N, C-alpha and C. Protein backbone atom coordinates (compact mmCIF):
# COMPACT_ATOMS: atom_id res chain seq x y z
N MET A 1 -18.54 9.89 9.68
CA MET A 1 -17.71 8.96 9.20
C MET A 1 -17.37 8.12 9.81
N GLY A 2 -17.56 6.74 9.15
CA GLY A 2 -17.17 5.45 9.69
C GLY A 2 -15.99 5.17 10.28
N ARG A 3 -15.51 4.11 10.87
CA ARG A 3 -14.22 4.18 10.96
C ARG A 3 -13.42 3.24 9.44
N PRO A 4 -12.07 3.71 9.57
CA PRO A 4 -11.22 3.28 8.55
C PRO A 4 -11.25 1.79 8.56
N PHE A 5 -11.04 1.22 7.27
CA PHE A 5 -10.59 0.03 7.25
C PHE A 5 -9.22 -0.07 7.36
N ILE A 6 -8.20 0.63 6.61
CA ILE A 6 -7.02 0.62 7.08
C ILE A 6 -6.28 1.75 7.33
N SER A 7 -5.32 1.69 8.37
CA SER A 7 -4.77 2.31 9.33
C SER A 7 -3.22 2.56 8.42
N VAL A 8 -2.31 3.71 8.20
CA VAL A 8 -1.28 3.60 7.67
C VAL A 8 -0.30 4.12 8.40
N VAL A 9 0.65 3.56 9.38
CA VAL A 9 1.57 3.86 10.42
C VAL A 9 2.91 4.10 9.85
N THR A 10 3.26 5.61 9.78
CA THR A 10 4.68 6.03 9.41
C THR A 10 5.17 6.44 10.84
N ALA A 11 6.22 5.71 11.42
CA ALA A 11 6.91 6.36 12.91
C ALA A 11 8.34 6.28 12.98
N TYR A 12 9.04 7.48 12.37
CA TYR A 12 10.23 7.09 12.58
C TYR A 12 10.91 8.41 13.12
N SER A 13 11.98 8.82 13.33
CA SER A 13 12.56 10.00 13.47
C SER A 13 13.59 10.78 12.44
N ARG A 14 13.24 10.42 11.49
CA ARG A 14 14.11 11.18 9.87
C ARG A 14 13.20 11.56 9.33
N ARG A 15 13.69 13.00 9.02
CA ARG A 15 12.70 14.10 8.42
C ARG A 15 12.91 14.18 6.74
N GLU A 16 14.04 13.58 6.08
CA GLU A 16 14.35 14.12 5.02
C GLU A 16 13.32 13.79 3.72
N PHE A 17 13.02 12.51 4.15
CA PHE A 17 12.13 11.83 2.92
C PHE A 17 10.56 11.84 3.72
N LEU A 18 10.27 12.32 4.94
CA LEU A 18 9.08 11.90 5.00
C LEU A 18 7.86 12.44 4.63
N LYS A 19 8.10 13.83 3.57
CA LYS A 19 7.06 14.64 3.07
C LYS A 19 6.45 13.43 1.68
N TYR A 20 7.46 12.67 1.29
CA TYR A 20 7.16 12.10 0.28
C TYR A 20 6.36 10.56 0.49
N ALA A 21 6.87 10.20 1.64
CA ALA A 21 6.09 8.79 2.27
C ALA A 21 4.61 9.16 2.66
N VAL A 22 4.30 10.52 3.09
CA VAL A 22 3.32 11.08 3.45
C VAL A 22 2.40 10.93 2.04
N LYS A 23 2.91 11.77 0.88
CA LYS A 23 2.32 12.06 -0.10
C LYS A 23 1.81 10.79 -1.07
N SER A 24 2.73 9.68 -1.05
CA SER A 24 2.51 8.48 -1.77
C SER A 24 1.27 7.85 -1.08
N VAL A 25 0.88 8.06 0.41
CA VAL A 25 -0.47 7.63 0.90
C VAL A 25 -1.35 8.59 0.73
N ILE A 26 -1.32 9.85 0.52
CA ILE A 26 -2.53 10.85 0.35
C ILE A 26 -3.14 10.42 -1.18
N ASN A 27 -2.02 10.09 -2.15
CA ASN A 27 -2.21 9.99 -3.20
C ASN A 27 -2.97 8.48 -4.00
N GLN A 28 -3.27 7.79 -3.04
CA GLN A 28 -3.73 6.38 -3.43
C GLN A 28 -4.93 6.26 -4.08
N THR A 29 -5.22 5.55 -4.56
CA THR A 29 -6.24 5.30 -5.61
C THR A 29 -7.45 4.67 -4.84
N LEU A 30 -7.15 4.09 -3.66
CA LEU A 30 -8.53 3.85 -2.72
C LEU A 30 -9.02 5.10 -2.13
N ASP A 31 -10.45 4.83 -1.97
CA ASP A 31 -11.41 5.95 -1.56
C ASP A 31 -10.70 6.42 -0.09
N LYS A 32 -10.51 7.42 -0.19
CA LYS A 32 -9.93 8.28 1.17
C LYS A 32 -10.79 7.96 2.22
N SER A 33 -11.76 7.63 2.41
CA SER A 33 -12.96 7.76 3.47
C SER A 33 -12.74 6.01 3.68
N LEU A 34 -11.42 5.06 3.29
CA LEU A 34 -11.67 3.58 3.74
C LEU A 34 -10.08 3.63 4.33
N TYR A 35 -9.33 4.72 4.44
CA TYR A 35 -8.07 4.84 5.28
C TYR A 35 -7.68 5.84 5.73
N GLU A 36 -6.84 5.91 6.90
CA GLU A 36 -6.18 7.01 7.81
C GLU A 36 -5.01 7.33 7.51
N ILE A 37 -4.10 8.13 7.96
CA ILE A 37 -2.65 8.14 8.34
C ILE A 37 -2.40 8.40 9.39
N ILE A 38 -1.46 7.30 9.94
CA ILE A 38 -0.77 7.97 11.46
C ILE A 38 0.60 8.29 11.44
N VAL A 39 0.73 9.24 11.74
CA VAL A 39 2.50 9.98 11.88
C VAL A 39 3.10 10.04 13.18
N VAL A 40 3.70 9.28 13.70
CA VAL A 40 4.49 9.51 15.06
C VAL A 40 5.78 10.15 14.65
N LYS A 41 5.98 10.98 15.20
CA LYS A 41 7.78 11.76 15.02
C LYS A 41 7.92 12.60 16.07
N ASN A 42 9.51 12.76 16.17
CA ASN A 42 9.82 13.67 17.46
C ASN A 42 10.23 15.23 16.80
N PHE A 43 9.94 15.58 15.40
CA PHE A 43 10.29 16.98 15.00
C PHE A 43 8.62 17.75 14.06
N ARG A 44 9.23 18.83 14.36
CA ARG A 44 7.98 19.41 13.92
C ARG A 44 8.24 19.94 12.06
N ASP A 45 7.27 19.58 11.22
CA ASP A 45 7.47 20.16 10.03
C ASP A 45 6.43 20.63 9.15
N PRO A 46 6.45 21.70 9.32
CA PRO A 46 5.14 22.71 9.05
C PRO A 46 4.47 21.84 7.39
N GLU A 47 5.24 21.52 6.53
CA GLU A 47 4.95 20.95 5.05
C GLU A 47 4.03 19.88 5.41
N VAL A 48 4.81 19.00 6.26
CA VAL A 48 4.15 17.51 6.57
C VAL A 48 2.69 17.78 7.38
N ASP A 49 3.08 18.27 8.26
CA ASP A 49 1.73 18.89 9.17
C ASP A 49 0.73 19.06 8.56
N HIS A 50 0.67 19.89 7.44
CA HIS A 50 -0.41 20.41 6.74
C HIS A 50 -1.13 19.36 5.76
N ALA A 51 0.02 18.61 5.16
CA ALA A 51 -0.51 17.83 4.21
C ALA A 51 -1.43 16.58 5.05
N VAL A 52 -0.81 16.47 6.13
CA VAL A 52 -1.56 15.11 6.94
C VAL A 52 -2.92 15.81 7.63
N LYS A 53 -2.86 16.82 7.96
CA LYS A 53 -3.74 17.40 8.94
C LYS A 53 -5.26 17.93 7.73
N SER A 54 -4.68 17.90 6.44
CA SER A 54 -5.64 18.18 5.42
C SER A 54 -6.46 16.69 5.06
N ASN A 55 -6.05 15.51 5.67
CA ASN A 55 -6.65 14.53 5.41
C ASN A 55 -7.08 13.44 6.38
N ARG A 56 -7.71 12.37 6.40
CA ARG A 56 -7.97 11.59 7.44
C ARG A 56 -6.68 11.34 8.23
N SER A 57 -6.36 11.51 9.33
CA SER A 57 -5.36 11.45 10.01
C SER A 57 -4.62 11.88 11.19
N LYS A 58 -4.18 11.69 12.10
CA LYS A 58 -3.42 12.11 13.20
C LYS A 58 -2.07 12.05 13.21
N ILE A 59 -1.24 13.31 13.81
CA ILE A 59 0.15 13.43 14.40
C ILE A 59 0.04 13.44 15.41
N ILE A 60 1.14 12.21 15.72
CA ILE A 60 1.58 12.26 17.59
C ILE A 60 2.86 12.51 17.57
N GLU A 61 2.98 13.89 18.25
CA GLU A 61 4.58 13.96 18.74
C GLU A 61 5.10 13.26 19.70
N ALA A 62 6.39 12.86 19.62
CA ALA A 62 6.83 11.94 20.79
C ALA A 62 8.16 12.40 20.61
N GLY A 63 8.67 11.86 22.08
CA GLY A 63 10.15 12.30 22.33
C GLY A 63 11.10 11.34 21.37
N ASP A 64 12.27 11.33 21.92
CA ASP A 64 13.76 10.70 21.07
C ASP A 64 13.51 8.88 21.76
N GLU A 65 12.50 8.03 21.35
CA GLU A 65 11.89 7.14 21.66
C GLU A 65 12.71 5.83 20.91
N PRO A 66 13.18 4.60 21.29
CA PRO A 66 13.34 3.69 20.37
C PRO A 66 12.24 3.19 19.29
N VAL A 67 12.58 2.45 18.38
CA VAL A 67 11.72 2.59 17.17
C VAL A 67 10.53 1.75 17.72
N GLY A 68 10.72 0.74 18.39
CA GLY A 68 9.41 -0.19 18.96
C GLY A 68 8.29 0.62 19.68
N LYS A 69 8.68 1.93 20.22
CA LYS A 69 7.94 2.44 20.92
C LYS A 69 7.11 3.23 19.90
N TYR A 70 7.77 3.84 19.15
CA TYR A 70 7.41 4.95 18.05
C TYR A 70 6.13 4.15 17.21
N LEU A 71 6.41 2.72 16.81
CA LEU A 71 5.43 1.67 16.04
C LEU A 71 4.25 1.35 16.88
N ALA A 72 4.55 1.34 18.23
CA ALA A 72 3.62 0.83 19.00
C ALA A 72 2.62 2.02 19.52
N THR A 73 3.27 3.24 19.86
CA THR A 73 2.47 4.32 19.71
C THR A 73 1.17 4.51 18.58
N GLY A 74 2.05 4.18 17.44
CA GLY A 74 1.19 4.29 15.89
C GLY A 74 -0.02 3.28 16.05
N ILE A 75 0.45 2.15 16.39
CA ILE A 75 -0.67 1.22 16.50
C ILE A 75 -1.57 1.39 17.24
N ASN A 76 -1.57 1.96 18.43
CA ASN A 76 -2.40 1.97 19.61
C ASN A 76 -3.28 3.21 19.35
N GLU A 77 -2.89 4.09 18.52
CA GLU A 77 -3.67 5.22 17.86
C GLU A 77 -4.49 4.90 16.58
N SER A 78 -4.39 3.58 16.11
CA SER A 78 -5.03 3.37 14.87
C SER A 78 -6.14 2.68 14.78
N GLU A 79 -7.12 3.21 14.13
CA GLU A 79 -8.93 2.97 14.42
C GLU A 79 -8.81 1.41 13.06
N GLY A 80 -8.17 1.36 12.31
CA GLY A 80 -8.41 0.72 11.35
C GLY A 80 -8.52 -0.79 11.67
N GLU A 81 -9.10 -1.57 10.87
CA GLU A 81 -8.98 -3.33 11.10
C GLU A 81 -7.64 -3.83 10.66
N VAL A 82 -7.22 -3.00 9.32
CA VAL A 82 -5.71 -3.36 9.15
C VAL A 82 -4.79 -2.41 9.30
N ILE A 83 -3.51 -2.70 9.37
CA ILE A 83 -2.59 -1.93 9.95
C ILE A 83 -1.20 -2.23 8.90
N ALA A 84 -1.17 -0.91 7.99
CA ALA A 84 0.03 -1.36 7.08
C ALA A 84 0.86 -0.20 7.65
N PHE A 85 2.27 -0.86 7.50
CA PHE A 85 3.29 0.01 7.86
C PHE A 85 4.42 0.72 6.70
N LEU A 86 4.51 1.98 7.23
CA LEU A 86 5.56 2.62 6.09
C LEU A 86 6.79 3.29 6.55
N ASP A 87 8.19 2.77 6.25
CA ASP A 87 9.22 3.74 6.66
C ASP A 87 9.26 5.06 6.10
N ASP A 88 9.38 6.15 7.14
CA ASP A 88 9.51 7.25 6.36
C ASP A 88 10.35 7.69 5.67
N ASP A 89 11.21 6.77 4.93
CA ASP A 89 11.90 7.13 4.07
C ASP A 89 11.67 6.26 2.74
N ASP A 90 10.64 5.58 2.63
CA ASP A 90 9.87 4.73 1.64
C ASP A 90 8.72 5.55 0.90
N ILE A 91 8.22 4.43 0.05
CA ILE A 91 7.07 5.22 -0.60
C ILE A 91 5.95 4.28 -1.20
N PHE A 92 4.99 4.17 -0.93
CA PHE A 92 3.97 3.24 -1.33
C PHE A 92 3.78 3.77 -2.90
N HIS A 93 3.28 2.11 -3.33
CA HIS A 93 3.03 2.17 -5.13
C HIS A 93 1.30 2.53 -5.05
N SER A 94 0.95 3.61 -5.92
CA SER A 94 -0.27 4.21 -5.82
C SER A 94 -1.60 3.49 -5.41
N ARG A 95 -1.17 2.17 -5.78
CA ARG A 95 -2.47 1.27 -5.62
C ARG A 95 -2.32 0.20 -4.49
N LYS A 96 -1.12 0.30 -3.81
CA LYS A 96 -1.04 -0.45 -2.68
C LYS A 96 -2.48 -0.75 -1.77
N LEU A 97 -3.08 0.39 -1.35
CA LEU A 97 -4.03 0.10 -0.39
C LEU A 97 -5.43 -0.30 -0.93
N GLU A 98 -5.40 -0.30 -2.22
CA GLU A 98 -6.70 -0.79 -3.13
C GLU A 98 -6.62 -2.02 -3.28
N ARG A 99 -5.23 -2.61 -3.44
CA ARG A 99 -4.77 -4.23 -3.58
C ARG A 99 -4.90 -4.77 -1.90
N LEU A 100 -4.71 -3.94 -1.19
CA LEU A 100 -5.13 -4.38 0.46
C LEU A 100 -6.55 -4.61 0.48
N PHE A 101 -7.05 -3.45 0.31
CA PHE A 101 -8.78 -3.65 0.36
C PHE A 101 -9.66 -4.77 -0.11
N LYS A 102 -9.03 -5.24 -1.30
CA LYS A 102 -9.39 -6.45 -2.06
C LYS A 102 -8.86 -7.76 -1.37
N VAL A 103 -7.61 -7.87 -1.18
CA VAL A 103 -7.14 -9.03 -0.45
C VAL A 103 -7.42 -9.45 0.87
N PHE A 104 -7.58 -8.65 1.60
CA PHE A 104 -8.20 -8.80 3.30
C PHE A 104 -9.60 -9.27 3.43
N ASN A 105 -9.41 -10.96 3.78
CA ASN A 105 -10.72 -11.24 4.34
C ASN A 105 -10.59 -11.92 5.69
N TYR A 106 -11.74 -12.50 6.37
CA TYR A 106 -11.56 -12.20 7.58
C TYR A 106 -10.52 -13.14 8.06
N ASP A 107 -10.17 -14.32 7.67
CA ASP A 107 -9.10 -14.93 8.13
C ASP A 107 -7.40 -14.64 7.97
N LEU A 108 -7.61 -13.37 7.26
CA LEU A 108 -5.94 -13.12 6.67
C LEU A 108 -5.27 -12.40 7.90
N ASP A 109 -4.27 -12.58 8.62
CA ASP A 109 -3.97 -11.84 9.61
C ASP A 109 -2.82 -11.06 9.31
N TYR A 110 -1.98 -11.71 8.15
CA TYR A 110 -0.51 -11.09 7.71
C TYR A 110 -0.32 -11.18 5.73
N TYR A 111 -0.06 -10.18 5.52
CA TYR A 111 0.63 -9.96 4.23
C TYR A 111 1.75 -9.08 3.77
N HIS A 112 2.39 -9.82 3.15
CA HIS A 112 3.80 -9.10 2.51
C HIS A 112 3.95 -9.31 1.02
N HIS A 113 4.72 -8.20 0.87
CA HIS A 113 4.68 -8.21 -0.89
C HIS A 113 6.33 -7.82 -1.17
N ASN A 114 6.83 -8.14 -2.55
CA ASN A 114 7.88 -7.30 -2.34
C ASN A 114 7.89 -6.13 -2.49
N LEU A 115 9.46 -5.86 -2.32
CA LEU A 115 9.97 -4.24 -2.62
C LEU A 115 10.89 -3.90 -3.64
N ILE A 116 10.67 -2.51 -4.18
CA ILE A 116 11.21 -2.20 -5.25
C ILE A 116 12.42 -1.03 -5.05
N ALA A 117 13.52 -1.17 -5.23
CA ALA A 117 14.93 -0.54 -4.43
C ALA A 117 15.01 1.11 -5.43
N ILE A 118 15.21 1.93 -4.58
CA ILE A 118 15.15 3.26 -5.43
C ILE A 118 16.44 3.99 -4.78
N ASN A 119 16.93 5.01 -5.45
CA ASN A 119 17.72 5.94 -4.76
C ASN A 119 17.67 7.12 -3.85
N GLU A 120 18.28 7.93 -3.63
CA GLU A 120 17.72 9.05 -2.86
C GLU A 120 16.67 10.11 -3.73
N LEU A 121 17.01 9.78 -5.06
CA LEU A 121 16.12 10.89 -5.97
C LEU A 121 15.15 10.14 -6.48
N GLY A 122 14.58 8.60 -6.09
CA GLY A 122 13.52 8.18 -6.39
C GLY A 122 13.47 7.26 -7.46
N ASP A 123 14.93 6.99 -8.03
CA ASP A 123 15.03 6.28 -9.42
C ASP A 123 15.28 4.66 -8.90
N ILE A 124 14.45 3.86 -9.78
CA ILE A 124 14.58 2.59 -9.65
C ILE A 124 15.91 2.02 -9.75
N LEU A 125 16.44 1.30 -8.84
CA LEU A 125 17.85 0.62 -8.72
C LEU A 125 17.51 -0.84 -9.12
N PRO A 126 18.80 -1.65 -10.12
CA PRO A 126 18.60 -2.76 -10.10
C PRO A 126 19.11 -3.66 -8.90
N LEU A 127 18.26 -3.49 -7.92
CA LEU A 127 18.62 -4.24 -6.63
C LEU A 127 17.77 -5.30 -6.41
N ASP A 128 18.13 -6.75 -5.88
CA ASP A 128 17.12 -7.38 -5.45
C ASP A 128 16.95 -7.42 -3.67
N ILE A 129 15.87 -6.91 -3.61
CA ILE A 129 15.56 -6.53 -2.14
C ILE A 129 14.79 -7.65 -1.37
N ASP A 130 15.79 -8.79 -0.89
CA ASP A 130 15.21 -10.24 -0.87
C ASP A 130 13.54 -10.51 -1.26
N ARG A 131 13.82 -10.43 -2.61
CA ARG A 131 12.77 -10.96 -3.27
C ARG A 131 11.99 -12.06 -3.16
N VAL A 132 10.87 -12.58 -3.01
CA VAL A 132 10.39 -13.72 -3.13
C VAL A 132 9.22 -13.90 -4.42
N ASN A 133 10.00 -14.57 -5.42
CA ASN A 133 8.79 -14.40 -6.72
C ASN A 133 7.81 -15.58 -6.63
N GLU A 134 7.27 -15.90 -5.82
CA GLU A 134 6.14 -17.02 -6.09
C GLU A 134 4.96 -16.61 -4.97
N TYR A 135 3.78 -16.81 -5.06
CA TYR A 135 2.67 -16.59 -4.33
C TYR A 135 2.68 -17.60 -3.20
N LEU A 136 2.92 -17.41 -1.78
CA LEU A 136 2.66 -18.05 -0.60
C LEU A 136 1.45 -17.95 0.12
N ARG A 137 0.69 -18.91 0.44
CA ARG A 137 -0.18 -18.68 1.19
C ARG A 137 -0.15 -19.95 2.31
N LEU A 138 0.31 -19.26 3.49
CA LEU A 138 0.45 -20.35 4.95
C LEU A 138 -0.46 -20.28 5.80
N VAL A 139 -0.91 -21.54 5.99
CA VAL A 139 -1.86 -21.84 6.79
C VAL A 139 -1.78 -22.72 7.94
N SER A 140 -1.06 -23.92 7.70
CA SER A 140 -0.67 -24.93 8.49
C SER A 140 1.10 -24.59 9.06
N ILE A 141 1.00 -25.57 10.04
CA ILE A 141 2.35 -25.39 10.65
C ILE A 141 3.42 -25.91 9.48
N ASN A 142 3.13 -27.15 9.04
CA ASN A 142 3.78 -27.38 7.78
C ASN A 142 4.26 -26.04 6.85
N ASP A 143 3.03 -25.50 6.26
CA ASP A 143 3.49 -24.50 5.37
C ASP A 143 4.29 -23.52 5.82
N ARG A 144 4.27 -23.17 7.22
CA ARG A 144 5.18 -21.97 7.67
C ARG A 144 6.62 -22.95 7.98
N ILE A 145 6.64 -23.97 8.54
CA ILE A 145 8.13 -24.40 8.62
C ILE A 145 8.80 -24.38 6.77
N LYS A 146 8.11 -25.07 5.91
CA LYS A 146 8.30 -25.03 4.64
C LYS A 146 8.88 -23.66 3.92
N ALA A 147 8.13 -22.52 3.98
CA ALA A 147 8.49 -21.08 3.85
C ALA A 147 9.60 -20.85 4.65
N VAL A 148 9.75 -21.00 6.07
CA VAL A 148 11.40 -20.42 6.70
C VAL A 148 12.37 -21.05 6.00
N LYS A 149 12.03 -22.43 6.06
CA LYS A 149 13.46 -23.34 5.19
C LYS A 149 13.60 -23.15 3.74
N MET A 150 12.59 -22.35 3.01
CA MET A 150 13.02 -22.21 1.93
C MET A 150 13.52 -20.91 1.41
N TYR A 151 12.82 -19.69 2.22
CA TYR A 151 13.17 -18.26 2.43
C TYR A 151 13.96 -17.85 3.07
N GLY A 152 13.95 -18.41 4.43
CA GLY A 152 14.47 -17.84 5.98
C GLY A 152 13.00 -16.99 6.20
N PHE A 153 13.69 -15.61 6.42
CA PHE A 153 12.80 -14.50 6.84
C PHE A 153 12.45 -13.43 5.93
N LYS A 154 12.82 -13.96 4.51
CA LYS A 154 12.25 -12.83 3.30
C LYS A 154 10.81 -12.12 3.34
N CYS A 155 10.04 -13.38 4.16
CA CYS A 155 8.65 -13.18 3.85
C CYS A 155 8.20 -11.90 4.98
N GLY A 156 9.33 -11.56 5.39
CA GLY A 156 9.30 -10.55 7.01
C GLY A 156 10.50 -9.31 6.47
N SER A 157 10.85 -9.23 5.25
CA SER A 157 11.75 -8.44 5.31
C SER A 157 10.76 -6.68 4.79
N GLY A 158 11.63 -5.82 5.33
CA GLY A 158 10.91 -4.72 5.30
C GLY A 158 9.58 -4.10 5.58
N MET A 159 9.55 -3.38 6.63
CA MET A 159 8.27 -2.81 7.49
C MET A 159 7.39 -2.44 6.02
N SER A 160 7.71 -1.53 5.18
CA SER A 160 7.02 -1.06 4.48
C SER A 160 6.37 -2.29 3.58
N ALA A 161 6.48 -3.31 3.78
CA ALA A 161 6.03 -4.49 3.03
C ALA A 161 4.98 -5.41 3.83
N ILE A 162 5.02 -4.97 4.56
CA ILE A 162 4.02 -5.64 5.73
C ILE A 162 2.81 -5.04 6.45
N VAL A 163 1.98 -5.71 6.46
CA VAL A 163 0.80 -5.49 6.66
C VAL A 163 -0.14 -6.58 7.87
N VAL A 164 -0.63 -6.00 8.85
CA VAL A 164 -1.18 -6.72 9.60
C VAL A 164 -2.73 -6.81 10.10
N ARG A 165 -3.40 -7.58 10.71
CA ARG A 165 -4.88 -7.35 11.08
C ARG A 165 -4.57 -6.79 12.46
N ASN A 166 -5.64 -6.01 12.86
CA ASN A 166 -5.21 -5.20 14.00
C ASN A 166 -4.99 -5.82 15.38
N ARG A 167 -5.91 -7.09 15.42
CA ARG A 167 -5.80 -7.81 16.60
C ARG A 167 -4.22 -8.68 16.66
N LEU A 168 -3.50 -8.77 15.78
CA LEU A 168 -2.18 -9.03 15.72
C LEU A 168 -1.16 -7.91 16.06
N ALA A 169 -1.54 -6.95 15.59
CA ALA A 169 -0.91 -5.68 16.07
C ALA A 169 -0.83 -5.15 17.13
N ILE A 170 -2.06 -5.30 17.88
CA ILE A 170 -2.18 -4.80 19.24
C ILE A 170 -1.49 -5.84 20.09
N MET A 171 -1.29 -7.37 19.93
CA MET A 171 -0.28 -8.21 20.25
C MET A 171 1.33 -7.78 20.25
N LEU A 172 1.53 -7.64 19.06
CA LEU A 172 2.95 -7.12 18.91
C LEU A 172 3.22 -5.58 19.65
N SER A 173 2.44 -4.87 19.45
CA SER A 173 2.64 -3.42 20.02
C SER A 173 2.74 -3.81 21.82
N LYS A 174 2.29 -4.53 22.34
CA LYS A 174 2.57 -4.85 23.64
C LYS A 174 3.94 -5.22 24.15
N TYR A 175 4.83 -6.38 23.06
CA TYR A 175 6.09 -6.52 23.05
C TYR A 175 6.95 -5.25 22.72
N ILE A 176 6.71 -4.84 21.71
CA ILE A 176 7.91 -3.66 21.26
C ILE A 176 7.62 -2.36 21.89
N MET A 177 6.92 -2.47 22.68
CA MET A 177 6.88 -1.21 23.66
C MET A 177 7.62 -0.94 24.86
N HIS A 178 7.96 -2.40 25.00
CA HIS A 178 8.79 -2.72 26.10
C HIS A 178 10.15 -3.33 26.12
N HIS A 179 10.63 -3.66 24.73
CA HIS A 179 11.75 -4.19 24.22
C HIS A 179 12.41 -3.28 23.29
N VAL A 180 13.50 -3.15 23.58
CA VAL A 180 14.43 -2.62 22.47
C VAL A 180 14.81 -3.66 21.59
N ILE A 181 14.35 -3.55 20.21
CA ILE A 181 14.07 -4.09 19.00
C ILE A 181 15.04 -3.22 17.91
N ASP A 182 16.00 -3.87 16.83
CA ASP A 182 16.35 -3.55 15.77
C ASP A 182 16.11 -3.96 14.61
N ALA A 183 15.02 -4.64 14.63
CA ALA A 183 14.43 -5.42 13.26
C ALA A 183 13.08 -5.83 13.33
N PRO A 184 12.06 -4.62 13.65
CA PRO A 184 10.74 -4.93 13.65
C PRO A 184 9.82 -5.54 12.71
N ASP A 185 10.72 -5.30 11.28
CA ASP A 185 9.86 -6.17 10.57
C ASP A 185 10.09 -8.01 10.58
N PHE A 186 11.38 -8.20 11.19
CA PHE A 186 11.49 -9.60 11.63
C PHE A 186 10.56 -10.24 12.60
N ILE A 187 10.51 -9.14 13.87
CA ILE A 187 9.70 -9.61 14.90
C ILE A 187 8.41 -9.79 14.57
N THR A 188 7.61 -8.63 13.66
CA THR A 188 6.37 -8.69 13.18
C THR A 188 6.04 -10.09 12.47
N TYR A 189 7.06 -10.64 11.77
CA TYR A 189 6.52 -11.64 10.87
C TYR A 189 6.67 -13.22 12.09
N ALA A 190 7.41 -12.93 13.04
CA ALA A 190 7.84 -14.08 14.03
C ALA A 190 6.42 -13.89 14.69
N PHE A 191 5.48 -12.68 15.27
CA PHE A 191 4.24 -13.01 15.54
C PHE A 191 3.84 -13.60 14.61
N ALA A 192 3.69 -12.92 13.67
CA ALA A 192 2.57 -13.55 12.64
C ALA A 192 2.54 -15.29 12.21
N LEU A 193 3.86 -15.75 12.43
CA LEU A 193 4.13 -17.00 12.26
C LEU A 193 3.35 -17.85 13.39
N ASP A 194 3.58 -17.31 14.60
CA ASP A 194 3.56 -17.93 15.79
C ASP A 194 1.61 -18.03 16.13
N TYR A 195 1.20 -16.62 15.67
CA TYR A 195 -0.31 -16.39 16.35
C TYR A 195 -1.08 -16.09 14.94
N GLY A 196 -0.95 -15.76 13.65
CA GLY A 196 -1.58 -15.49 12.78
C GLY A 196 -2.48 -16.65 11.98
N LYS A 197 -3.96 -16.41 11.52
CA LYS A 197 -4.23 -17.40 11.34
C LYS A 197 -3.91 -17.82 9.52
N VAL A 198 -3.85 -16.86 9.07
CA VAL A 198 -3.15 -16.71 7.41
C VAL A 198 -2.53 -16.06 7.24
N LEU A 199 -1.10 -16.38 6.46
CA LEU A 199 -0.15 -15.55 6.16
C LEU A 199 -0.09 -15.53 4.73
N ILE A 200 -0.01 -14.68 3.73
CA ILE A 200 0.07 -14.22 2.69
C ILE A 200 1.38 -13.66 2.06
N HIS A 201 2.23 -14.18 0.86
CA HIS A 201 3.22 -13.00 0.31
C HIS A 201 2.65 -13.08 -1.10
N GLU A 202 2.67 -12.09 -1.71
CA GLU A 202 2.40 -12.07 -3.11
C GLU A 202 3.50 -11.56 -3.67
N PRO A 203 4.09 -11.59 -5.23
CA PRO A 203 5.33 -11.52 -5.53
C PRO A 203 4.89 -10.01 -6.55
N HIS A 204 4.41 -9.11 -5.87
CA HIS A 204 3.93 -7.72 -6.48
C HIS A 204 5.12 -6.60 -5.92
N GLY A 205 5.49 -5.74 -6.48
CA GLY A 205 6.10 -4.73 -5.59
C GLY A 205 5.31 -3.31 -5.27
N LEU A 206 4.80 -3.63 -4.56
CA LEU A 206 3.68 -2.53 -3.69
C LEU A 206 4.42 -1.07 -3.11
N ALA A 207 5.66 -1.41 -2.98
CA ALA A 207 6.18 -0.20 -1.97
C ALA A 207 7.70 -0.05 -2.81
N PHE A 208 8.14 1.07 -2.58
CA PHE A 208 9.69 1.31 -3.06
C PHE A 208 10.62 1.83 -2.02
N TYR A 209 11.51 0.88 -1.63
CA TYR A 209 12.49 0.86 -0.60
C TYR A 209 13.66 1.91 -1.04
N ARG A 210 13.88 2.81 -0.37
CA ARG A 210 14.75 4.06 -0.50
C ARG A 210 16.10 3.43 0.01
N ILE A 211 17.16 3.60 -0.71
CA ILE A 211 18.49 3.39 -0.47
C ILE A 211 19.03 4.72 -0.48
N HIS A 212 19.85 4.98 1.01
CA HIS A 212 20.45 6.15 1.07
C HIS A 212 21.27 5.79 2.43
N GLY A 213 22.25 7.02 2.55
CA GLY A 213 23.10 6.86 3.42
C GLY A 213 22.80 6.98 4.91
N LYS A 214 21.65 7.49 5.07
CA LYS A 214 21.01 7.33 6.58
C LYS A 214 19.88 6.41 6.57
N LYS A 215 19.92 5.23 6.01
CA LYS A 215 18.80 4.03 5.96
C LYS A 215 18.79 3.61 7.13
N TYR A 216 19.96 3.39 7.86
CA TYR A 216 20.13 2.55 9.03
C TYR A 216 20.59 3.35 10.24
N GLN A 217 20.33 4.43 10.25
CA GLN A 217 20.36 5.57 11.35
C GLN A 217 18.92 5.54 11.76
């Protein structure tokens, strides 16, 4: 079996919704030989462990570390050319990885999409999660300045909406491994603005952002 094209990294310390996040990756429409799942966690969960181990995946047991170290560990264990992040309480749309496989070309280093809000039960909520309702392709410095002036950091909102080229992810991991960070999504976007060749935002809702009481714990 060859290297996967996409690595999905989910790396946090909350367990309530992790099985749903993992299931959403396992049930993708993309051929399973084209992607892998990397789960970094600080607890044991037989149901999740069994589901992950029965697919192309890695489970990494970690201690109580800052989120940056969790993500950096997942990145460094990834074999894919493209790294897609997934918060442990969010869910991918079933066709997300299929879309990534189609859109990523040689020059694309950063991809972002809109998020759909859901509640604890998975019901869709009528909330605007930093939506950007137009297609953006950022190549030049002027493109990037214009996008930030118009939308702030909305094109970097939500780790579950962010996908990066492996080379950019490795650069990111070296930073977040040694710094305490509260907003890895915005840090990732900042790295892409500085070092990425091409950045794209598409106004598709390709992941579900779960709103619940422990979201920011």
